[in-house]
C-alpha cells in the first residue's frame, strides 16, 4: 500500500520555518524569473527555446544563425549566472 503525503510527518526535532513549501517554491520561481529577465535577450531566447520549448540545439542554431559552440557557451554562462556561481 503506497504512503500518502498526509501520512508523513516531520521529525519532532525538525526546524519549522513558518513557511509552506508552496511559498518557498514561489520564491524560487520569482528569483528564477527575475534572473532570466536580467539576461541579454538572445541568451534569454536560447534558454526559453531550449529548456522551455524543447527545441533542439541544431534547430536553435540554424534559426538564430549561431554556431553550436556559441550556443553552448551562451547556455553555460547563462546557467552559471542563474545559479549564482559566476564570480
PDB file of N, CA and C in Angstrom:
ATOM      1  N   UNK A   1       0.845  -1.180   0.000  1.00  0.00           N
ATOM      2  CA  UNK A   1       0.000   0.000   0.000  1.00  0.00           C
ATOM      3  C   UNK A   1       0.891   1.243   0.000  1.00  0.00           C
ATOM      4  N   UNK A   2       0.713   2.178  -0.945  1.00  0.00           N
ATOM      5  CA  UNK A   2       1.562   3.372  -1.013  1.00  0.00           C
ATOM      6  C   UNK A   2       1.275   4.330   0.145  1.00  0.00           C
ATOM      7  N   UNK A   3       2.305   5.050   0.532  1.00  0.00           N
ATOM      8  CA  UNK A   3       2.185   6.055   1.586  1.00  0.00           C
ATOM      9  C   UNK A   3       1.745   7.364   0.945  1.00  0.00           C
ATOM     10  N   UNK A   4       0.778   8.013   1.549  1.00  0.00           N
ATOM     11  CA  UNK A   4       0.306   9.302   1.037  1.00  0.00           C
ATOM     12  C   UNK A   4       1.002  10.425   1.796  1.00  0.00           C
ATOM     13  N   UNK A   5       1.101  11.628   1.217  1.00  0.00           N
ATOM     14  CA  UNK A   5       1.763  12.743   1.888  1.00  0.00           C
ATOM     15  C   UNK A   5       1.161  13.057   3.256  1.00  0.00           C
ATOM     16  N   UNK A   6      -0.114  12.820   3.457  1.00  0.00           N
ATOM     17  CA  UNK A   6      -0.727  13.128   4.752  1.00  0.00           C
ATOM     18  C   UNK A   6      -0.281  12.162   5.833  1.00  0.00           C
ATOM     19  N   UNK A   7       0.285  11.025   5.455  1.00  0.00           N
ATOM     20  CA  UNK A   7       0.770  10.064   6.426  1.00  0.00           C
ATOM     21  C   UNK A   7       2.191  10.360   6.879  1.00  0.00           C
ATOM     22  N   UNK A   8       2.847  11.289   6.232  1.00  0.00           N
ATOM     23  CA  UNK A   8       4.233  11.618   6.555  1.00  0.00           C
ATOM     24  C   UNK A   8       4.247  12.878   7.400  1.00  0.00           C
ATOM     25  N   UNK A   9       4.896  12.795   8.545  1.00  0.00           N
ATOM     26  CA  UNK A   9       5.011  13.985   9.390  1.00  0.00           C
ATOM     27  C   UNK A   9       6.485  14.276   9.606  1.00  0.00           C
ATOM     28  N   UNK A  10       6.838  15.545   9.835  1.00  0.00           N
ATOM     29  CA  UNK A  10       8.249  15.877  10.035  1.00  0.00           C
ATOM     30  C   UNK A  10       8.754  15.299  11.351  1.00  0.00           C
ATOM     31  N   UNK A  11      10.040  15.106  11.423  1.00  0.00           N
ATOM     32  CA  UNK A  11      10.650  14.627  12.661  1.00  0.00           C
ATOM     33  C   UNK A  11      10.372  15.643  13.772  1.00  0.00           C
ATOM     34  N   UNK A  12      10.215  15.174  15.018  1.00  0.00           N
ATOM     35  CA  UNK A  12       9.883  16.092  16.113  1.00  0.00           C
ATOM     36  C   UNK A  12      10.895  17.216  16.298  1.00  0.00           C
ATOM     37  N   UNK A  13      12.162  16.959  15.957  1.00  0.00           N
ATOM     38  CA  UNK A  13      13.182  17.982  16.156  1.00  0.00           C
ATOM     39  C   UNK A  13      13.482  18.774  14.879  1.00  0.00           C
ATOM     40  N   UNK A  14      12.666  18.574  13.838  1.00  0.00           N
ATOM     41  CA  UNK A  14      12.881  19.299  12.581  1.00  0.00           C
ATOM     42  C   UNK A  14      12.560  20.773  12.771  1.00  0.00           C
ATOM     43  N   UNK A  15      13.432  21.667  12.270  1.00  0.00           N
ATOM     44  CA  UNK A  15      13.156  23.101  12.422  1.00  0.00           C
ATOM     45  C   UNK A  15      11.927  23.505  11.626  1.00  0.00           C
ATOM     46  N   UNK A  16      11.185  24.428  12.164  1.00  0.00           N
ATOM     47  CA  UNK A  16       9.987  24.918  11.491  1.00  0.00           C
ATOM     48  C   UNK A  16      10.251  26.342  11.028  1.00  0.00           C
ATOM     49  N   UNK A  17      10.173  26.543   9.726  1.00  0.00           N
ATOM     50  CA  UNK A  17      10.492  27.860   9.180  1.00  0.00           C
ATOM     51  C   UNK A  17       9.288  28.785   9.173  1.00  0.00           C
ATOM     52  N   UNK A  18       8.103  28.238   9.380  1.00  0.00           N
ATOM     53  CA  UNK A  18       6.904  29.058   9.330  1.00  0.00           C
ATOM     54  C   UNK A  18       6.434  29.333   7.914  1.00  0.00           C
ATOM     55  N   UNK A  19       7.092  28.744   6.942  1.00  0.00           N
ATOM     56  CA  UNK A  19       6.742  28.949   5.531  1.00  0.00           C
ATOM     57  C   UNK A  19       6.337  27.620   4.929  1.00  0.00           C
ATOM     58  N   UNK A  20       5.369  27.663   4.076  1.00  0.00           N
ATOM     59  CA  UNK A  20       4.952  26.431   3.414  1.00  0.00           C
ATOM     60  C   UNK A  20       5.902  26.134   2.260  1.00  0.00           C
ATOM     61  N   UNK A  21       5.861  24.900   1.793  1.00  0.00           N
ATOM     62  CA  UNK A  21       6.662  24.531   0.630  1.00  0.00           C
ATOM     63  C   UNK A  21       6.246  25.336  -0.586  1.00  0.00           C
ATOM     64  N   UNK A  22       4.963  25.665  -0.700  1.00  0.00           N
ATOM     65  CA  UNK A  22       4.487  26.468  -1.832  1.00  0.00           C
ATOM     66  C   UNK A  22       5.098  27.857  -1.813  1.00  0.00           C
ATOM     67  N   UNK A  23       5.228  28.459  -0.634  1.00  0.00           N
ATOM     68  CA  UNK A  23       5.832  29.792  -0.541  1.00  0.00           C
ATOM     69  C   UNK A  23       7.300  29.745  -0.947  1.00  0.00           C
ATOM     70  N   UNK A  24       8.005  28.731  -0.490  1.00  0.00           N
ATOM     71  CA  UNK A  24       9.414  28.593  -0.848  1.00  0.00           C
ATOM     72  C   UNK A  24       9.558  28.376  -2.348  1.00  0.00           C
ATOM     73  N   UNK A  25       8.679  27.562  -2.912  1.00  0.00           N
ATOM     74  CA  UNK A  25       8.706  27.315  -4.359  1.00  0.00           C
ATOM     75  C   UNK A  25       8.397  28.595  -5.123  1.00  0.00           C
ATOM     76  N   UNK A  26       7.425  29.367  -4.647  1.00  0.00           N
ATOM     77  CA  UNK A  26       7.089  30.642  -5.283  1.00  0.00           C
ATOM     78  C   UNK A  26       8.283  31.585  -5.278  1.00  0.00           C
ATOM     79  N   UNK A  27       9.037  31.604  -4.166  1.00  0.00           N
ATOM     80  CA  UNK A  27      10.223  32.450  -4.085  1.00  0.00           C
ATOM     81  C   UNK A  27      11.266  32.034  -5.111  1.00  0.00           C
ATOM     82  N   UNK A  28      11.433  30.725  -5.285  1.00  0.00           N
ATOM     83  CA  UNK A  28      12.404  30.234  -6.271  1.00  0.00           C
ATOM     84  C   UNK A  28      11.990  30.624  -7.683  1.00  0.00           C
ATOM     85  N   UNK A  29      10.704  30.478  -7.974  1.00  0.00           N
ATOM     86  CA  UNK A  29      10.193  30.833  -9.303  1.00  0.00           C
ATOM     87  C   UNK A  29      10.373  32.332  -9.543  1.00  0.00           C
ATOM     88  N   UNK A  30      10.071  33.143  -8.550  1.00  0.00           N
ATOM     89  CA  UNK A  30      10.231  34.594  -8.674  1.00  0.00           C
ATOM     90  C   UNK A  30      11.689  34.961  -8.921  1.00  0.00           C
ATOM     91  N   UNK A  31      12.594  34.335  -8.180  1.00  0.00           N
ATOM     92  CA  UNK A  31      14.025  34.619  -8.347  1.00  0.00           C
ATOM     93  C   UNK A  31      14.509  34.171  -9.727  1.00  0.00           C
ATOM     94  N   UNK A  32      14.058  33.000 -10.169  1.00  0.00           N
ATOM     95  CA  UNK A  32      14.473  32.496 -11.476  1.00  0.00           C
ATOM     96  C   UNK A  32      13.927  33.387 -12.598  1.00  0.00           C
ATOM     97  N   UNK A  33      12.686  33.820 -12.463  1.00  0.00           N
ATOM     98  CA  UNK A  33      12.091  34.708 -13.471  1.00  0.00           C
ATOM     99  C   UNK A  33      12.867  36.018 -13.550  1.00  0.00           C
ATOM    100  N   UNK A  34      13.188  36.588 -12.398  1.00  0.00           N
ATOM    101  CA  UNK A  34      13.968  37.831 -12.377  1.00  0.00           C
ATOM    102  C   UNK A  34      15.334  37.620 -13.007  1.00  0.00           C
ATOM    103  N   UNK A  35      15.946  36.472 -12.710  1.00  0.00           N
ATOM    104  CA  UNK A  35      17.248  36.162 -13.294  1.00  0.00           C
ATOM    105  C   UNK A  35      17.184  36.033 -14.802  1.00  0.00           C
ATOM    106  N   UNK A  36      16.180  35.332 -15.289  1.00  0.00           N
ATOM    107  CA  UNK A  36      16.026  35.163 -16.735  1.00  0.00           C
ATOM    108  C   UNK A  36      15.783  36.502 -17.407  1.00  0.00           C
ATOM    109  N   UNK A  37      14.955  37.338 -16.799  1.00  0.00           N
ATOM    110  CA  UNK A  37      14.668  38.655 -17.385  1.00  0.00           C
ATOM    111  C   UNK A  37      15.879  39.573 -17.389  1.00  0.00           C
ATOM    112  N   UNK A  38      16.843  39.299 -16.515  1.00  0.00           N
ATOM    113  CA  UNK A  38      18.052  40.137 -16.463  1.00  0.00           C
ATOM    114  C   UNK A  38      19.085  39.735 -17.515  1.00  0.00           C
ATOM    115  N   UNK A  39      18.886  38.584 -18.151  1.00  0.00           N
ATOM    116  CA  UNK A  39      19.826  38.129 -19.176  1.00  0.00           C
ATOM    117  C   UNK A  39      19.649  38.923 -20.465  1.00  0.00           C
ATOM    118  N   UNK A  40      20.706  38.998 -21.273  1.00  0.00           N
ATOM    119  CA  UNK A  40      20.553  39.616 -22.593  1.00  0.00           C
ATOM    120  C   UNK A  40      19.466  38.879 -23.387  1.00  0.00           C
ATOM    121  N   UNK A  41      18.723  39.590 -24.222  1.00  0.00           N
ATOM    122  CA  UNK A  41      17.606  38.982 -24.952  1.00  0.00           C
ATOM    123  C   UNK A  41      17.957  37.716 -25.727  1.00  0.00           C
ATOM    124  N   UNK A  42      19.114  37.671 -26.376  1.00  0.00           N
ATOM    125  CA  UNK A  42      19.500  36.488 -27.154  1.00  0.00           C
ATOM    126  C   UNK A  42      19.713  35.291 -26.224  1.00  0.00           C
ATOM    127  N   UNK A  43      20.353  35.519 -25.096  1.00  0.00           N
ATOM    128  CA  UNK A  43      20.581  34.437 -24.135  1.00  0.00           C
ATOM    129  C   UNK A  43      19.246  33.919 -23.619  1.00  0.00           C
ATOM    130  N   UNK A  44      18.369  34.851 -23.284  1.00  0.00           N
ATOM    131  CA  UNK A  44      17.035  34.513 -22.772  1.00  0.00           C
ATOM    132  C   UNK A  44      16.287  33.658 -23.805  1.00  0.00           C
ATOM    133  N   UNK A  45      16.350  34.072 -25.060  1.00  0.00           N
ATOM    134  CA  UNK A  45      15.666  33.331 -26.117  1.00  0.00           C
ATOM    135  C   UNK A  45      16.214  31.915 -26.242  1.00  0.00           C
ATOM    136  N   UNK A  46      17.525  31.763 -26.165  1.00  0.00           N
ATOM    137  CA  UNK A  46      18.139  30.442 -26.253  1.00  0.00           C
ATOM    138  C   UNK A  46      17.646  29.545 -25.124  1.00  0.00           C
ATOM    139  N   UNK A  47      17.666  30.042 -23.896  1.00  0.00           N
ATOM    140  CA  UNK A  47      17.232  29.226 -22.757  1.00  0.00           C
ATOM    141  C   UNK A  47      15.750  28.871 -22.841  1.00  0.00           C
ATOM    142  N   UNK A  48      14.932  29.823 -23.215  1.00  0.00           N
ATOM    143  CA  UNK A  48      13.490  29.567 -23.313  1.00  0.00           C
ATOM    144  C   UNK A  48      13.200  28.546 -24.412  1.00  0.00           C
ATOM    145  N   UNK A  49      13.850  28.723 -25.556  1.00  0.00           N
ATOM    146  CA  UNK A  49      13.602  27.791 -26.660  1.00  0.00           C
ATOM    147  C   UNK A  49      14.116  26.388 -26.333  1.00  0.00           C
ATOM    148  N   UNK A  50      15.287  26.314 -25.688  1.00  0.00           N
ATOM    149  CA  UNK A  50      15.901  25.012 -25.402  1.00  0.00           C
ATOM    150  C   UNK A  50      15.199  24.307 -24.237  1.00  0.00           C
ATOM    151  N   UNK A  51      15.088  24.995 -23.098  1.00  0.00           N
ATOM    152  CA  UNK A  51      14.512  24.355 -21.911  1.00  0.00           C
ATOM    153  C   UNK A  51      12.991  24.454 -21.871  1.00  0.00           C
ATOM    154  N   UNK A  52      12.449  25.594 -22.237  1.00  0.00           N
ATOM    155  CA  UNK A  52      11.010  25.798 -22.137  1.00  0.00           C
ATOM    156  C   UNK A  52      10.217  25.170 -23.264  1.00  0.00           C
ATOM    157  N   UNK A  53      10.743  25.283 -24.480  1.00  0.00           N
ATOM    158  CA  UNK A  53      10.006  24.785 -25.648  1.00  0.00           C
ATOM    159  C   UNK A  53      10.545  23.462 -26.175  1.00  0.00           C
ATOM    160  N   UNK A  54      11.674  23.020 -25.645  1.00  0.00           N
ATOM    161  CA  UNK A  54      12.224  21.726 -26.039  1.00  0.00           C
ATOM    162  C   UNK A  54      12.809  21.666 -27.433  1.00  0.00           C
ATOM    163  N   UNK A  55      13.186  22.818 -27.989  1.00  0.00           N
ATOM    164  CA  UNK A  55      13.796  22.814 -29.317  1.00  0.00           C
ATOM    165  C   UNK A  55      15.207  22.249 -29.228  1.00  0.00           C
ATOM    166  N   UNK A  56      15.647  21.650 -30.301  1.00  0.00           N
ATOM    167  CA  UNK A  56      16.984  21.056 -30.327  1.00  0.00           C
ATOM    168  C   UNK A  56      18.050  22.135 -30.508  1.00  0.00           C
ATOM    169  N   UNK A  57      19.243  21.779 -30.083  1.00  0.00           N
ATOM    170  CA  UNK A  57      20.397  22.662 -30.264  1.00  0.00           C
ATOM    171  C   UNK A  57      20.553  23.026 -31.738  1.00  0.00           C
ATOM    172  N   UNK A  58      20.473  22.020 -32.601  1.00  0.00           N
ATOM    173  CA  UNK A  58      20.673  22.254 -34.037  1.00  0.00           C
ATOM    174  C   UNK A  58      19.600  23.185 -34.600  1.00  0.00           C
ATOM    175  N   UNK A  59      18.363  22.986 -34.191  1.00  0.00           N
ATOM    176  CA  UNK A  59      17.265  23.824 -34.680  1.00  0.00           C
ATOM    177  C   UNK A  59      17.469  25.282 -34.258  1.00  0.00           C
ATOM    178  N   UNK A  60      17.824  25.485 -33.006  1.00  0.00           N
ATOM    179  CA  UNK A  60      18.039  26.847 -32.498  1.00  0.00           C
ATOM    180  C   UNK A  60      19.211  27.498 -33.225  1.00  0.00           C
ATOM    181  N   UNK A  61      20.305  26.765 -33.367  1.00  0.00           N
ATOM    182  CA  UNK A  61      21.485  27.323 -34.037  1.00  0.00           C
ATOM    183  C   UNK A  61      21.189  27.713 -35.476  1.00  0.00           C
ATOM    184  N   UNK A  62      20.467  26.861 -36.166  1.00  0.00           N
ATOM    185  CA  UNK A  62      20.144  27.141 -37.560  1.00  0.00           C
ATOM    186  C   UNK A  62      19.256  28.385 -37.663  1.00  0.00           C
ATOM    187  N   UNK A  63      18.209  28.442 -36.838  1.00  0.00           N
ATOM    188  CA  UNK A  63      17.264  29.550 -36.923  1.00  0.00           C
ATOM    189  C   UNK A  63      17.850  30.869 -36.418  1.00  0.00           C
ATOM    190  N   UNK A  64      18.747  30.789 -35.435  1.00  0.00           N
ATOM    191  CA  UNK A  64      19.329  32.016 -34.883  1.00  0.00           C
ATOM    192  C   UNK A  64      20.666  32.373 -35.527  1.00  0.00           C
ATOM    193  N   UNK A  65      21.113  31.501 -36.429  1.00  0.00           N
ATOM    194  CA  UNK A  65      22.368  31.711 -37.154  1.00  0.00           C
ATOM    195  C   UNK A  65      23.558  31.874 -36.199  1.00  0.00           C
ATOM    196  N   UNK A  66      23.675  30.914 -35.284  1.00  0.00           N
ATOM    197  CA  UNK A  66      24.833  30.867 -34.388  1.00  0.00           C
ATOM    198  C   UNK A  66      25.433  29.474 -34.472  1.00  0.00           C
ATOM    199  N   UNK A  67      26.710  29.363 -34.104  1.00  0.00           N
ATOM    200  CA  UNK A  67      27.369  28.056 -34.120  1.00  0.00           C
ATOM    201  C   UNK A  67      26.971  27.267 -32.875  1.00  0.00           C
ATOM    202  N   UNK A  68      27.160  25.956 -32.941  1.00  0.00           N
ATOM    203  CA  UNK A  68      26.880  25.121 -31.780  1.00  0.00           C
ATOM    204  C   UNK A  68      27.799  25.490 -30.621  1.00  0.00           C
ATOM    205  N   UNK A  69      29.030  25.865 -30.933  1.00  0.00           N
ATOM    206  CA  UNK A  69      29.971  26.289 -29.897  1.00  0.00           C
ATOM    207  C   UNK A  69      29.462  27.540 -29.194  1.00  0.00           C
ATOM    208  N   UNK A  70      28.984  28.501 -29.961  1.00  0.00           N
ATOM    209  CA  UNK A  70      28.445  29.731 -29.378  1.00  0.00           C
ATOM    210  C   UNK A  70      27.212  29.426 -28.534  1.00  0.00           C
ATOM    211  N   UNK A  71      26.352  28.541 -29.025  1.00  0.00           N
ATOM    212  CA  UNK A  71      25.171  28.124 -28.274  1.00  0.00           C
ATOM    213  C   UNK A  71      25.579  27.565 -26.917  1.00  0.00           C
ATOM    214  N   UNK A  72      26.517  26.633 -26.910  1.00  0.00           N
ATOM    215  CA  UNK A  72      26.953  26.000 -25.661  1.00  0.00           C
ATOM    216  C   UNK A  72      27.577  27.019 -24.714  1.00  0.00           C
ATOM    217  N   UNK A  73      28.351  27.941 -25.272  1.00  0.00           N
ATOM    218  CA  UNK A  73      28.980  28.977 -24.453  1.00  0.00           C
ATOM    219  C   UNK A  73      27.920  29.855 -23.783  1.00  0.00           C
ATOM    220  N   UNK A  74      26.971  30.318 -24.554  1.00  0.00           N
ATOM    221  CA  UNK A  74      25.908  31.177 -24.015  1.00  0.00           C
ATOM    222  C   UNK A  74      25.101  30.426 -22.965  1.00  0.00           C
ATOM    223  N   UNK A  75      24.732  29.189 -23.275  1.00  0.00           N
ATOM    224  CA  UNK A  75      23.928  28.388 -22.343  1.00  0.00           C
ATOM    225  C   UNK A  75      24.690  28.154 -21.039  1.00  0.00           C
ATOM    226  N   UNK A  76      25.967  27.872 -21.140  1.00  0.00           N
ATOM    227  CA  UNK A  76      26.783  27.610 -19.962  1.00  0.00           C
ATOM    228  C   UNK A  76      26.920  28.852 -19.073  1.00  0.00           C
ATOM    229  N   UNK A  77      27.249  29.974 -19.677  1.00  0.00           N
ATOM    230  CA  UNK A  77      27.415  31.208 -18.899  1.00  0.00           C
ATOM    231  C   UNK A  77      26.081  31.652 -18.303  1.00  0.00           C
ATOM    232  N   UNK A  78      25.016  31.551 -19.068  1.00  0.00           N
ATOM    233  CA  UNK A  78      23.698  31.935 -18.562  1.00  0.00           C
ATOM    234  C   UNK A  78      23.300  31.065 -17.376  1.00  0.00           C
ATOM    235  N   UNK A  79      23.517  29.763 -17.479  1.00  0.00           N
ATOM    236  CA  UNK A  79      23.204  28.864 -16.370  1.00  0.00           C
ATOM    237  C   UNK A  79      24.024  29.209 -15.137  1.00  0.00           C
ATOM    238  N   UNK A  80      25.304  29.528 -15.327  1.00  0.00           N
ATOM    239  CA  UNK A  80      26.147  29.915 -14.188  1.00  0.00           C
ATOM    240  C   UNK A  80      25.620  31.179 -13.526  1.00  0.00           C
ATOM    241  N   UNK A  81      25.229  32.136 -14.336  1.00  0.00           N
ATOM    242  CA  UNK A  81      24.676  33.370 -13.775  1.00  0.00           C
ATOM    243  C   UNK A  81      23.384  33.107 -13.010  1.00  0.00           C
ATOM    244  N   UNK A  82      22.524  32.281 -13.580  1.00  0.00           N
ATOM    245  CA  UNK A  82      21.257  31.966 -12.916  1.00  0.00           C
ATOM    246  C   UNK A  82      21.465  31.157 -11.638  1.00  0.00           C
ATOM    247  N   UNK A  83      22.499  30.332 -11.618  1.00  0.00           N
ATOM    248  CA  UNK A  83      22.812  29.546 -10.427  1.00  0.00           C
ATOM    249  C   UNK A  83      23.558  30.370  -9.382  1.00  0.00           C
ATOM    250  N   UNK A  84      23.978  31.576  -9.788  1.00  0.00           N
ATOM    251  CA  UNK A  84      24.723  32.427  -8.855  1.00  0.00           C
ATOM    252  C   UNK A  84      26.160  32.000  -8.647  1.00  0.00           C
ATOM    253  N   UNK A  85      26.715  31.228  -9.600  1.00  0.00           N
ATOM    254  CA  UNK A  85      28.083  30.744  -9.437  1.00  0.00           C
ATOM    255  C   UNK A  85      29.089  31.555 -10.234  1.00  0.00           C
ATOM    256  N   UNK A  86      28.599  32.517 -10.990  1.00  0.00           N
ATOM    257  CA  UNK A  86      29.505  33.347 -11.789  1.00  0.00           C
ATOM    258  C   UNK A  86      30.092  34.405 -10.880  1.00  0.00           C
ATOM    259  N   UNK A  87      31.432  34.524 -10.885  1.00  0.00           N
ATOM    260  CA  UNK A  87      32.088  35.445  -9.969  1.00  0.00           C
ATOM    261  C   UNK A  87      32.211  36.772 -10.454  1.00  0.00           C
TER     262      UNK A  87
END
